Amino acid sequence: MPPVIQQLLQWLLRPRTLVAVLLCGVLVISSLGVGYTSHLTRNMYRDLQALQQDHDDLEHEYEKLLLERSAWADYTRLDQLAHNRLEMAAPTPDEMVVLK
C-alpha cells in the first residue's frame, strides 16, 4: 500500500478524527432531512390551501342550491303551477266530503 494511503488511514482511525468525521456525517444527514421535511411541509400546506379553496367553493355552491330549492318549492309558485298547467282548483265547500 502506498505510504500516502497508509498515513490517511492512520489519520482517519484516530479516535478524535473518527468522531469528528462521524459528527460531520450526522450533521450533513440531519441538514438534508430538515431540508426535505421543509419541502414536504410546503407542499402539504399548498395542498391544504387548495383543498380549503375547493371547500369554500363547494360551500358557496351548496348555499346557492339551497336558495334555488327554496325558490322552486315556494307555495305560491306551486299553487300557480297547479292552476295553470294542471288546471287544478280548490274544491268548493259543497264538493267537500267529511268522513267520520
N, C-alpha and C. Protein backbone atom coordinates (compact mmCIF):
# COMPACT_ATOMS: atom_id res chain seq x y z
N MET A 1 0.85 -1.17 0.00
CA MET A 1 0.00 0.00 0.00
C MET A 1 0.90 1.25 0.00
N PRO A 2 0.54 2.24 -0.81
CA PRO A 2 1.39 3.46 -0.84
C PRO A 2 1.38 4.16 0.53
N PRO A 3 2.45 4.84 0.84
CA PRO A 3 2.57 5.49 2.16
C PRO A 3 1.51 6.59 2.39
N VAL A 4 1.09 7.23 1.32
CA VAL A 4 0.09 8.31 1.47
C VAL A 4 -1.23 7.73 1.97
N ILE A 5 -1.62 6.57 1.43
CA ILE A 5 -2.87 5.94 1.83
C ILE A 5 -2.75 5.44 3.27
N GLN A 6 -1.59 4.90 3.62
CA GLN A 6 -1.38 4.43 4.99
C GLN A 6 -1.49 5.59 5.98
N GLN A 7 -0.90 6.72 5.63
CA GLN A 7 -0.97 7.89 6.52
C GLN A 7 -2.41 8.39 6.65
N LEU A 8 -3.14 8.37 5.53
CA LEU A 8 -4.54 8.80 5.55
C LEU A 8 -5.37 7.87 6.43
N LEU A 9 -5.17 6.57 6.31
CA LEU A 9 -5.90 5.61 7.13
C LEU A 9 -5.55 5.76 8.60
N GLN A 10 -4.30 5.97 8.90
CA GLN A 10 -3.90 6.18 10.30
C GLN A 10 -4.55 7.45 10.85
N TRP A 11 -4.57 8.49 10.05
CA TRP A 11 -5.19 9.74 10.49
C TRP A 11 -6.71 9.56 10.72
N LEU A 12 -7.37 8.83 9.79
CA LEU A 12 -8.81 8.62 9.90
C LEU A 12 -9.18 7.72 11.08
N LEU A 13 -8.30 6.80 11.43
CA LEU A 13 -8.60 5.86 12.50
C LEU A 13 -8.26 6.41 13.89
N ARG A 14 -7.75 7.61 13.97
CA ARG A 14 -7.55 8.22 15.29
C ARG A 14 -8.93 8.48 15.90
N PRO A 15 -9.07 8.30 17.20
CA PRO A 15 -10.39 8.46 17.83
C PRO A 15 -11.00 9.86 17.63
N ARG A 16 -10.20 10.91 17.78
CA ARG A 16 -10.74 12.26 17.62
C ARG A 16 -11.16 12.51 16.18
N THR A 17 -10.38 12.05 15.24
CA THR A 17 -10.70 12.25 13.83
C THR A 17 -11.94 11.46 13.45
N LEU A 18 -12.02 10.22 13.95
CA LEU A 18 -13.16 9.37 13.65
C LEU A 18 -14.46 9.99 14.19
N VAL A 19 -14.40 10.50 15.40
CA VAL A 19 -15.58 11.15 15.99
C VAL A 19 -15.96 12.38 15.19
N ALA A 20 -14.99 13.19 14.78
CA ALA A 20 -15.27 14.40 14.00
C ALA A 20 -15.89 14.06 12.66
N VAL A 21 -15.37 13.02 11.99
CA VAL A 21 -15.93 12.62 10.70
C VAL A 21 -17.35 12.11 10.87
N LEU A 22 -17.60 11.30 11.90
CA LEU A 22 -18.95 10.79 12.16
C LEU A 22 -19.92 11.93 12.47
N LEU A 23 -19.48 12.89 13.28
CA LEU A 23 -20.34 14.02 13.60
C LEU A 23 -20.64 14.87 12.36
N CYS A 24 -19.65 15.03 11.51
CA CYS A 24 -19.90 15.76 10.25
C CYS A 24 -20.91 15.01 9.37
N GLY A 25 -20.78 13.70 9.32
CA GLY A 25 -21.73 12.89 8.55
C GLY A 25 -23.14 13.01 9.09
N VAL A 26 -23.26 12.94 10.43
CA VAL A 26 -24.57 13.08 11.05
C VAL A 26 -25.14 14.48 10.79
N LEU A 27 -24.28 15.49 10.84
CA LEU A 27 -24.72 16.86 10.57
C LEU A 27 -25.25 17.01 9.14
N VAL A 28 -24.55 16.43 8.18
CA VAL A 28 -24.99 16.51 6.78
C VAL A 28 -26.32 15.78 6.60
N ILE A 29 -26.43 14.59 7.17
CA ILE A 29 -27.67 13.82 7.04
C ILE A 29 -28.83 14.57 7.71
N SER A 30 -28.57 15.16 8.87
CA SER A 30 -29.61 15.91 9.57
C SER A 30 -30.05 17.13 8.77
N SER A 31 -29.10 17.84 8.19
CA SER A 31 -29.47 19.03 7.42
C SER A 31 -30.25 18.66 6.16
N LEU A 32 -29.88 17.54 5.53
CA LEU A 32 -30.67 17.08 4.38
C LEU A 32 -32.08 16.70 4.81
N GLY A 33 -32.22 16.08 5.96
CA GLY A 33 -33.54 15.73 6.48
C GLY A 33 -34.39 16.95 6.76
N VAL A 34 -33.78 17.99 7.33
CA VAL A 34 -34.51 19.22 7.61
C VAL A 34 -34.98 19.87 6.31
N GLY A 35 -34.10 19.91 5.32
CA GLY A 35 -34.49 20.48 4.03
C GLY A 35 -35.62 19.70 3.37
N TYR A 36 -35.55 18.39 3.45
CA TYR A 36 -36.58 17.55 2.83
C TYR A 36 -37.92 17.71 3.54
N THR A 37 -37.90 17.72 4.88
CA THR A 37 -39.15 17.89 5.60
C THR A 37 -39.74 19.29 5.39
N SER A 38 -38.90 20.29 5.23
CA SER A 38 -39.40 21.63 4.92
C SER A 38 -40.08 21.63 3.55
N HIS A 39 -39.48 20.96 2.61
CA HIS A 39 -40.07 20.84 1.28
C HIS A 39 -41.43 20.14 1.35
N LEU A 40 -41.49 19.04 2.08
CA LEU A 40 -42.76 18.32 2.23
C LEU A 40 -43.81 19.18 2.93
N THR A 41 -43.39 19.93 3.94
CA THR A 41 -44.33 20.80 4.65
C THR A 41 -44.90 21.86 3.74
N ARG A 42 -44.06 22.47 2.91
CA ARG A 42 -44.55 23.48 1.95
C ARG A 42 -45.52 22.87 0.96
N ASN A 43 -45.22 21.68 0.48
CA ASN A 43 -46.13 21.02 -0.47
C ASN A 43 -47.47 20.70 0.19
N MET A 44 -47.42 20.19 1.42
CA MET A 44 -48.67 19.86 2.11
C MET A 44 -49.47 21.12 2.42
N TYR A 45 -48.80 22.21 2.76
CA TYR A 45 -49.51 23.46 3.04
C TYR A 45 -50.17 23.99 1.76
N ARG A 46 -49.47 23.87 0.64
CA ARG A 46 -50.06 24.29 -0.65
C ARG A 46 -51.28 23.43 -0.97
N ASP A 47 -51.19 22.13 -0.73
CA ASP A 47 -52.34 21.24 -0.96
C ASP A 47 -53.49 21.59 -0.02
N LEU A 48 -53.17 21.91 1.24
CA LEU A 48 -54.20 22.30 2.19
C LEU A 48 -54.92 23.57 1.73
N GLN A 49 -54.17 24.55 1.24
CA GLN A 49 -54.78 25.78 0.75
C GLN A 49 -55.71 25.49 -0.43
N ALA A 50 -55.29 24.62 -1.32
CA ALA A 50 -56.13 24.27 -2.48
C ALA A 50 -57.40 23.56 -2.02
N LEU A 51 -57.28 22.66 -1.05
CA LEU A 51 -58.46 21.95 -0.54
C LEU A 51 -59.41 22.90 0.19
N GLN A 52 -58.86 23.86 0.92
CA GLN A 52 -59.72 24.84 1.58
C GLN A 52 -60.45 25.71 0.57
N GLN A 53 -59.77 26.06 -0.53
CA GLN A 53 -60.42 26.84 -1.58
C GLN A 53 -61.55 26.03 -2.22
N ASP A 54 -61.29 24.75 -2.48
CA ASP A 54 -62.34 23.88 -3.02
C ASP A 54 -63.52 23.77 -2.05
N HIS A 55 -63.22 23.65 -0.76
CA HIS A 55 -64.27 23.58 0.25
C HIS A 55 -65.12 24.85 0.24
N ASP A 56 -64.47 25.99 0.17
CA ASP A 56 -65.20 27.26 0.14
C ASP A 56 -66.07 27.36 -1.11
N ASP A 57 -65.53 26.93 -2.25
CA ASP A 57 -66.30 26.95 -3.49
C ASP A 57 -67.52 26.04 -3.40
N LEU A 58 -67.33 24.85 -2.86
CA LEU A 58 -68.45 23.92 -2.71
C LEU A 58 -69.49 24.43 -1.71
N GLU A 59 -69.03 25.06 -0.65
CA GLU A 59 -69.95 25.63 0.33
C GLU A 59 -70.80 26.73 -0.30
N HIS A 60 -70.17 27.57 -1.11
CA HIS A 60 -70.90 28.63 -1.81
C HIS A 60 -71.92 28.03 -2.79
N GLU A 61 -71.51 27.02 -3.51
CA GLU A 61 -72.42 26.35 -4.45
C GLU A 61 -73.60 25.71 -3.71
N TYR A 62 -73.34 25.12 -2.55
CA TYR A 62 -74.40 24.50 -1.75
C TYR A 62 -75.41 25.55 -1.29
N GLU A 63 -74.92 26.70 -0.86
CA GLU A 63 -75.83 27.77 -0.44
C GLU A 63 -76.70 28.24 -1.59
N LYS A 64 -76.11 28.35 -2.77
CA LYS A 64 -76.89 28.74 -3.94
C LYS A 64 -77.96 27.70 -4.26
N LEU A 65 -77.59 26.42 -4.15
CA LEU A 65 -78.56 25.36 -4.43
C LEU A 65 -79.69 25.34 -3.40
N LEU A 66 -79.39 25.63 -2.15
CA LEU A 66 -80.44 25.71 -1.14
C LEU A 66 -81.42 26.84 -1.44
N LEU A 67 -80.88 27.98 -1.86
CA LEU A 67 -81.76 29.09 -2.23
C LEU A 67 -82.62 28.73 -3.44
N GLU A 68 -82.02 28.08 -4.41
CA GLU A 68 -82.77 27.69 -5.60
C GLU A 68 -83.86 26.67 -5.25
N ARG A 69 -83.52 25.72 -4.38
CA ARG A 69 -84.51 24.73 -3.97
C ARG A 69 -85.68 25.39 -3.24
N SER A 70 -85.38 26.34 -2.38
CA SER A 70 -86.46 27.01 -1.66
C SER A 70 -87.31 27.84 -2.62
N ALA A 71 -86.71 28.40 -3.66
CA ALA A 71 -87.49 29.16 -4.64
C ALA A 71 -88.40 28.23 -5.43
N TRP A 72 -87.90 27.06 -5.81
CA TRP A 72 -88.72 26.11 -6.58
C TRP A 72 -89.85 25.51 -5.74
N ALA A 73 -89.64 25.42 -4.43
CA ALA A 73 -90.65 24.80 -3.56
C ALA A 73 -91.57 25.82 -2.91
N ASP A 74 -91.53 27.05 -3.35
CA ASP A 74 -92.38 28.10 -2.78
C ASP A 74 -93.85 27.77 -3.02
N TYR A 75 -94.68 28.00 -2.00
CA TYR A 75 -96.10 27.62 -2.07
C TYR A 75 -96.83 28.37 -3.18
N THR A 76 -96.56 29.66 -3.33
CA THR A 76 -97.28 30.43 -4.37
C THR A 76 -96.91 29.94 -5.76
N ARG A 77 -95.67 29.56 -5.96
CA ARG A 77 -95.25 29.04 -7.27
C ARG A 77 -95.96 27.72 -7.55
N LEU A 78 -96.00 26.84 -6.54
CA LEU A 78 -96.67 25.55 -6.73
C LEU A 78 -98.18 25.74 -6.97
N ASP A 79 -98.78 26.71 -6.28
CA ASP A 79 -100.19 26.99 -6.47
C ASP A 79 -100.45 27.48 -7.89
N GLN A 80 -99.58 28.34 -8.41
CA GLN A 80 -99.72 28.82 -9.79
C GLN A 80 -99.57 27.68 -10.79
N LEU A 81 -98.61 26.81 -10.57
CA LEU A 81 -98.42 25.66 -11.46
C LEU A 81 -99.64 24.76 -11.45
N ALA A 82 -100.20 24.53 -10.27
CA ALA A 82 -101.39 23.67 -10.17
C ALA A 82 -102.56 24.28 -10.94
N HIS A 83 -102.72 25.58 -10.84
CA HIS A 83 -103.83 26.24 -11.54
C HIS A 83 -103.58 26.30 -13.05
N ASN A 84 -102.38 26.71 -13.45
CA ASN A 84 -102.10 26.96 -14.87
C ASN A 84 -101.84 25.69 -15.66
N ARG A 85 -100.93 24.87 -15.21
CA ARG A 85 -100.55 23.69 -16.00
C ARG A 85 -101.50 22.51 -15.81
N LEU A 86 -101.88 22.27 -14.58
CA LEU A 86 -102.69 21.09 -14.29
C LEU A 86 -104.19 21.40 -14.21
N GLU A 87 -104.50 22.67 -14.32
CA GLU A 87 -105.89 23.12 -14.27
C GLU A 87 -106.58 22.61 -13.02
N MET A 88 -105.91 22.71 -11.91
CA MET A 88 -106.47 22.29 -10.64
C MET A 88 -107.08 23.50 -9.96
N ALA A 89 -108.08 23.27 -9.12
CA ALA A 89 -108.70 24.34 -8.36
C ALA A 89 -109.06 23.81 -6.98
N ALA A 90 -109.15 24.71 -6.03
CA ALA A 90 -109.54 24.31 -4.68
C ALA A 90 -111.01 23.90 -4.72
N PRO A 91 -111.38 22.86 -4.01
CA PRO A 91 -112.78 22.43 -4.02
C PRO A 91 -113.68 23.44 -3.29
N THR A 92 -114.87 23.52 -3.80
CA THR A 92 -115.86 24.38 -3.11
C THR A 92 -116.40 23.66 -1.89
N PRO A 93 -117.00 24.38 -0.97
CA PRO A 93 -117.49 23.71 0.24
C PRO A 93 -118.51 22.60 -0.03
N ASP A 94 -119.37 22.75 -1.05
CA ASP A 94 -120.33 21.66 -1.33
C ASP A 94 -119.69 20.48 -2.03
N GLU A 95 -118.46 20.60 -2.56
CA GLU A 95 -117.74 19.47 -3.16
C GLU A 95 -116.98 18.66 -2.11
N MET A 96 -116.80 19.23 -0.93
CA MET A 96 -116.05 18.56 0.12
C MET A 96 -116.91 17.52 0.81
N VAL A 97 -116.28 16.41 1.16
CA VAL A 97 -116.94 15.34 1.90
C VAL A 97 -116.15 15.11 3.18
N VAL A 98 -116.82 15.14 4.30
CA VAL A 98 -116.16 14.93 5.58
C VAL A 98 -116.46 13.52 6.03
N LEU A 99 -115.43 12.76 6.31
CA LEU A 99 -115.57 11.38 6.77
C LEU A 99 -115.36 11.32 8.26
N LYS A 100 -116.22 10.56 8.93
CA LYS A 100 -116.07 10.41 10.37
C LYS A 100 -115.72 8.99 10.71
